[in-house]
């Protein structure tokens, strides 16, 4: 296991700092519910894409 990765993970406070500007943006829009749903969809898409790439790398390296 790569322990450097575990040490470099963002803390909960870091995540809150990243979310605050997004929350401000969402609340400032004319349609906050729609903006929230779009932001959530974008986040889910990014997580799914990252997981897909990780699985591809895992399968590639496990075959060698």
Protein backbone atom coordinates (compact mmCIF):
# COMPACT_ATOMS: atom_id res chain seq x y z
CA UNK A 1 0.00 0.00 0.00
CA UNK A 2 1.26 3.46 -0.85
CA UNK A 3 1.25 5.35 2.45
CA UNK A 4 2.06 8.67 0.73
CA UNK A 5 -1.39 8.65 -0.82
CA UNK A 6 -2.99 8.27 2.59
CA UNK A 7 -0.96 11.17 3.99
CA UNK A 8 -1.90 13.48 1.08
CA UNK A 9 -5.67 13.04 1.33
CA UNK A 10 -7.59 16.24 1.94
CA UNK A 11 -8.97 16.80 5.41
CA UNK A 12 -12.67 17.44 5.99
CA UNK A 13 -11.92 21.13 6.48
CA UNK A 14 -10.26 21.24 3.04
CA UNK A 15 -13.39 19.79 1.48
CA UNK A 16 -15.56 22.37 3.23
CA UNK A 17 -13.35 25.12 1.81
CA UNK A 18 -13.85 23.74 -1.68
CA UNK A 19 -17.61 23.35 -1.29
CA UNK A 20 -18.26 26.83 0.08
CA UNK A 21 -17.74 28.69 -3.24
CA UNK A 22 -19.94 26.16 -5.02
CA UNK A 23 -22.67 26.56 -2.41
CA UNK A 24 -22.45 30.33 -2.76
CA UNK A 25 -22.79 30.01 -6.52
CA UNK A 26 -25.75 27.64 -6.24
CA UNK A 27 -27.56 29.93 -3.80
CA UNK A 28 -26.95 32.97 -6.01
CA UNK A 29 -28.53 31.48 -9.12
CA UNK A 30 -32.11 32.10 -10.21
CA UNK A 31 -32.79 28.36 -9.98
CA UNK A 32 -30.79 26.98 -7.04
CA UNK A 33 -32.41 23.54 -7.17
CA UNK A 34 -31.45 23.13 -10.83
CA UNK A 35 -27.91 24.40 -10.14
CA UNK A 36 -27.59 21.94 -7.24
CA UNK A 37 -28.75 19.05 -9.42
CA UNK A 38 -26.30 20.05 -12.16
CA UNK A 39 -23.45 20.28 -9.65
CA UNK A 40 -24.34 16.88 -8.21
CA UNK A 41 -24.53 15.33 -11.67
CA UNK A 42 -21.11 16.76 -12.53
CA UNK A 43 -19.64 15.41 -9.30
CA UNK A 44 -21.09 11.95 -9.85
CA UNK A 45 -19.79 11.96 -13.43
CA UNK A 46 -16.28 12.87 -12.26
CA UNK A 47 -16.29 10.14 -9.60
CA UNK A 48 -17.52 7.55 -12.09
CA UNK A 49 -14.90 8.61 -14.65
CA UNK A 50 -12.13 8.48 -12.06
CA UNK A 51 -13.23 5.02 -10.93
CA UNK A 52 -13.40 3.79 -14.51
CA UNK A 53 -9.86 5.00 -15.22
CA UNK A 54 -8.61 3.47 -11.98
CA UNK A 55 -10.17 0.12 -12.83
CA UNK A 56 -8.65 0.23 -16.30
CA UNK A 57 -5.22 0.90 -14.81
CA UNK A 58 -5.70 -1.87 -12.27
CA UNK A 59 -6.66 -4.40 -14.91
CA UNK A 60 -3.79 -3.31 -17.16
CA UNK A 61 -1.18 -3.58 -14.41
CA UNK A 62 -2.59 -6.82 -12.97
CA UNK A 63 -2.17 -8.54 -16.35
CA UNK A 64 1.56 -7.80 -16.48
